[in-house]
Amino acid sequence: MGGILGAIVGAAIVVAGIATSVVVAPAVAVGVAAGIGACLLNAFNICPPSPSPTGSGANTTVSSAANSGTKGSSNNSAGNTNANSPVGQICTSPANAACGITSQGTIVGGVCNAVTPPNSACPAPVISVSTGFYAQPSLVKSGQQTTLYWSATNATGCTVSGGTLGTLAGLLASGNHLTGAVNQKTIYTLTCTNGAGGPQKTVNTTVNLIPEYQNQ
């Protein structure tokens, strides 16, 4: 009886072995074929590249002159810029010598194209109607003289003219001057300019004579 059971068990093991080999052998064969194919692809360098690590593409940094942080320096007060300055950056011209105004431009070829404004672009002189130009006294006897006073802003120089005074040029923006003898009603003129060739402002003041009958 024991011999019969042993024979049956042995036969079952053999059958199980055959079934296993039938199932496993094709899988092994497929694996071997895939490995051989992969080796052939690698040999001819036609395998696709290995995928990059997750997130590495998002962290890639592209270096350029615009974002490298080295945009170059600019000297706006002189209107000159470094050759590395980015094109299109706003820059400022040198100041106008007469009134200090500037203009804006952009950097082209490493140089600021802003041009210093001409004197004609300066603000016009301002002379007060009441205290900007007057005579003290404004009523005199014939042959007497009086003093002219003036004060202007936004002016680099002034000229006073009229009567026996003639023309006084190259005066400061504020000052005073004797008229000389006044023999008749006289109109004096003050002209102030903001820079050579710049805007001008002109005002007048009048000196009158005391009537003769009041002198008696």
Protein backbone atom coordinates (compact mmCIF):
# COMPACT_ATOMS: atom_id res chain seq x y z
CA MET A 1 0.00 0.00 0.00
CA GLY A 2 2.82 2.38 0.84
CA GLY A 3 4.42 1.73 -2.50
CA ILE A 4 1.25 2.60 -4.34
CA LEU A 5 0.91 5.96 -2.43
CA GLY A 6 4.53 6.81 -3.19
CA ALA A 7 4.00 6.14 -6.85
CA ILE A 8 0.91 8.37 -6.92
CA VAL A 9 2.74 11.27 -5.17
CA GLY A 10 5.69 10.94 -7.47
CA ALA A 11 3.43 11.04 -10.50
CA ALA A 12 1.70 14.21 -9.17
CA ILE A 13 5.05 15.96 -8.70
CA VAL A 14 6.05 15.11 -12.25
CA VAL A 15 2.76 16.42 -13.63
CA ALA A 16 3.11 19.66 -11.58
CA GLY A 17 6.65 20.12 -12.85
CA ILE A 18 5.53 19.70 -16.45
CA ALA A 19 2.67 22.21 -15.96
CA THR A 20 5.01 24.72 -14.38
CA SER A 21 7.52 24.44 -17.17
CA VAL A 22 4.73 24.90 -19.73
CA VAL A 23 3.64 28.16 -18.04
CA VAL A 24 7.03 29.56 -17.08
CA ALA A 25 9.00 28.64 -20.17
CA PRO A 26 7.15 31.07 -22.52
CA ALA A 27 7.54 33.91 -20.02
CA VAL A 28 11.26 33.23 -19.74
CA ALA A 29 11.52 33.08 -23.50
CA VAL A 30 9.74 36.45 -23.84
CA GLY A 31 12.03 38.01 -21.23
CA VAL A 32 15.11 36.74 -22.97
CA ALA A 33 13.87 38.08 -26.33
CA ALA A 34 13.13 41.52 -24.80
CA GLY A 35 16.58 41.68 -23.27
CA ILE A 36 18.22 40.80 -26.57
CA GLY A 37 16.14 43.49 -28.36
CA ALA A 38 17.12 46.13 -25.80
CA CYS A 39 20.78 45.27 -26.20
CA LEU A 40 20.48 45.65 -29.99
CA LEU A 41 18.77 49.08 -29.66
CA ASN A 42 21.47 50.30 -27.30
CA ALA A 43 24.16 49.00 -29.59
CA PHE A 44 22.86 51.15 -32.45
CA ASN A 45 22.27 54.17 -30.15
CA ILE A 46 18.59 54.45 -31.05
CA CYS A 47 17.13 53.96 -27.64
CA PRO A 48 15.09 56.92 -26.33
CA PRO A 49 16.82 58.93 -23.57
CA SER A 50 16.07 58.08 -20.00
CA PRO A 51 13.37 60.33 -18.48
CA SER A 52 14.74 63.17 -16.40
CA PRO A 53 14.10 63.23 -12.66
CA THR A 54 10.72 64.54 -11.68
CA GLY A 55 10.69 68.39 -11.45
CA SER A 56 14.17 68.93 -12.86
CA GLY A 57 12.85 70.66 -16.01
CA ALA A 58 10.97 73.20 -13.94
CA ASN A 59 14.13 74.18 -12.10
CA THR A 60 16.30 74.75 -15.18
CA THR A 61 17.71 78.32 -15.24
CA VAL A 62 18.40 80.08 -18.52
CA SER A 63 21.11 82.70 -18.27
CA SER A 64 20.81 85.84 -20.33
CA ALA A 65 22.01 89.42 -20.26
CA ALA A 66 18.51 90.54 -19.35
CA ASN A 67 18.21 88.43 -16.17
CA SER A 68 21.81 87.77 -15.19
CA GLY A 69 21.81 90.72 -12.80
CA THR A 70 24.75 92.38 -14.52
CA LYS A 71 22.99 95.04 -16.54
CA GLY A 72 25.92 97.40 -16.46
CA SER A 73 26.06 100.82 -14.90
CA SER A 74 24.82 104.13 -16.26
CA ASN A 75 25.92 107.67 -15.54
CA ASN A 76 22.73 109.61 -16.08
CA SER A 77 24.11 112.95 -14.96
CA ALA A 78 26.64 112.90 -17.79
CA GLY A 79 24.41 111.22 -20.34
CA ASN A 80 26.92 108.34 -20.76
CA THR A 81 26.26 104.66 -20.14
CA ASN A 82 28.17 101.44 -19.84
CA ALA A 83 28.28 99.31 -22.99
CA ASN A 84 26.60 96.48 -21.05
CA SER A 85 23.53 98.59 -20.26
CA PRO A 86 20.36 97.04 -21.70
CA VAL A 87 18.89 98.68 -24.80
CA GLY A 88 15.76 100.69 -24.05
CA GLN A 89 16.63 101.59 -20.47
CA ILE A 90 15.55 105.14 -19.62
CA CYS A 91 18.38 107.60 -19.02
CA THR A 92 18.76 111.34 -18.33
CA SER A 93 20.74 114.01 -20.15
CA PRO A 94 23.23 116.40 -18.54
CA ALA A 95 21.56 119.44 -16.95
CA ASN A 96 21.15 122.69 -18.85
CA ALA A 97 23.78 125.14 -17.56
CA ALA A 98 21.39 128.12 -17.43
CA CYS A 99 18.37 126.67 -15.67
CA GLY A 100 19.28 123.09 -14.74
CA ILE A 101 16.55 121.31 -16.70
CA THR A 102 17.19 117.86 -18.19
CA SER A 103 15.58 115.59 -20.76
CA GLN A 104 15.00 111.84 -20.84
CA GLY A 105 16.06 109.35 -23.46
CA THR A 106 16.91 105.69 -23.86
CA ILE A 107 20.11 103.71 -24.10
CA VAL A 108 21.11 102.81 -27.66
CA GLY A 109 24.38 101.06 -28.36
CA GLY A 110 25.45 101.57 -24.76
CA VAL A 111 25.03 105.36 -25.00
CA CYS A 112 22.23 107.57 -23.68
CA ASN A 113 20.57 109.42 -26.57
CA ALA A 114 19.05 112.12 -24.32
CA VAL A 115 20.13 115.62 -25.41
CA THR A 116 20.69 118.54 -23.04
CA PRO A 117 17.74 120.94 -23.47
CA PRO A 118 18.62 124.29 -25.11
CA ASN A 119 18.27 127.58 -23.22
CA SER A 120 15.10 128.27 -25.19
CA ALA A 121 13.46 125.44 -23.25
CA CYS A 122 14.16 127.13 -19.90
CA PRO A 123 11.25 128.74 -18.01
CA ALA A 124 10.65 132.42 -18.74
CA PRO A 125 11.82 135.02 -16.21
CA VAL A 126 9.26 136.21 -13.66
CA ILE A 127 9.12 139.87 -12.66
CA SER A 128 6.57 141.06 -10.11
CA VAL A 129 4.28 143.80 -11.40
CA SER A 130 4.40 145.74 -8.12
CA THR A 131 7.91 145.12 -6.79
CA GLY A 132 9.79 143.67 -9.77
CA PHE A 133 10.78 147.02 -11.29
CA TYR A 134 10.13 150.50 -9.90
CA ALA A 135 11.67 153.94 -9.29
CA GLN A 136 12.05 155.48 -5.86
CA PRO A 137 10.99 158.25 -5.93
CA SER A 138 8.88 158.03 -9.06
CA LEU A 139 8.12 161.82 -9.05
CA VAL A 140 11.08 164.23 -9.22
CA LYS A 141 11.93 167.85 -10.09
CA SER A 142 13.44 168.43 -13.50
CA GLY A 143 17.17 167.73 -13.45
CA GLN A 144 17.00 165.48 -10.41
CA GLN A 145 17.70 161.77 -10.47
CA THR A 146 16.06 158.76 -8.91
CA THR A 147 16.94 155.15 -8.20
CA LEU A 148 15.65 152.19 -10.16
CA TYR A 149 15.13 148.88 -8.33
CA TRP A 150 14.55 145.48 -9.95
CA SER A 151 14.24 141.84 -8.98
CA ALA A 152 13.55 138.84 -11.22
CA THR A 153 13.47 135.08 -10.86
CA ASN A 154 14.35 132.49 -13.52
CA ALA A 155 16.80 135.02 -14.92
CA THR A 156 20.53 134.79 -15.55
CA GLY A 157 20.99 138.46 -16.45
CA CYS A 158 19.14 141.74 -17.02
CA THR A 159 19.40 145.00 -18.96
CA VAL A 160 18.02 148.42 -17.94
CA SER A 161 17.61 151.29 -20.39
CA GLY A 162 15.91 154.67 -20.78
CA GLY A 163 16.45 158.45 -20.54
CA THR A 164 19.92 159.76 -19.82
CA LEU A 165 20.75 156.39 -18.26
CA GLY A 166 21.39 154.88 -21.68
CA THR A 167 21.60 151.09 -21.64
CA LEU A 168 23.05 149.09 -18.80
CA ALA A 169 23.69 145.46 -19.85
CA GLY A 170 25.06 142.45 -17.98
CA LEU A 171 23.23 143.25 -14.75
CA LEU A 172 22.38 140.70 -12.10
CA ALA A 173 18.81 139.45 -11.74
CA SER A 174 18.37 141.74 -8.73
CA GLY A 175 19.89 145.18 -8.11
CA ASN A 176 19.49 148.96 -8.25
CA HIS A 177 20.98 151.89 -10.14
CA LEU A 178 20.75 155.71 -10.28
CA THR A 179 19.01 157.08 -13.34
CA GLY A 180 21.05 160.23 -13.85
CA ALA A 181 19.28 163.57 -14.44
CA VAL A 182 15.60 163.30 -15.32
CA ASN A 183 14.58 166.24 -17.50
CA GLN A 184 11.20 164.98 -18.62
CA LYS A 185 8.73 162.20 -18.12
CA THR A 186 10.80 159.08 -18.76
CA ILE A 187 9.95 155.44 -19.28
CA TYR A 188 12.60 152.96 -18.18
CA THR A 189 12.71 149.39 -19.44
CA LEU A 190 13.91 146.25 -17.71
CA THR A 191 14.62 143.16 -19.81
CA CYS A 192 15.71 139.90 -18.19
CA THR A 193 16.80 136.71 -19.95
CA ASN A 194 17.10 133.11 -18.79
CA GLY A 195 20.29 131.99 -20.51
CA ALA A 196 21.84 133.21 -23.74
CA GLY A 197 19.18 132.91 -26.40
CA GLY A 198 16.67 131.84 -23.76
CA PRO A 199 13.24 133.30 -23.00
CA GLN A 200 12.94 136.97 -22.03
CA LYS A 201 10.63 139.11 -19.95
CA THR A 202 10.29 142.90 -20.32
CA VAL A 203 8.58 145.39 -18.00
CA ASN A 204 8.50 149.19 -17.80
CA THR A 205 8.33 151.81 -15.07
CA THR A 206 7.73 155.53 -15.43
CA VAL A 207 9.32 158.52 -13.69
CA ASN A 208 7.28 161.76 -13.83
CA LEU A 209 8.30 165.37 -13.24
CA ILE A 210 6.73 167.57 -10.58
CA PRO A 211 4.74 170.28 -12.37
CA GLU A 212 6.54 173.66 -12.57
CA TYR A 213 3.91 175.51 -10.62
CA GLN A 214 4.47 173.16 -7.69
CA ASN A 215 8.16 174.09 -7.69
CA GLN A 216 7.43 177.77 -7.08
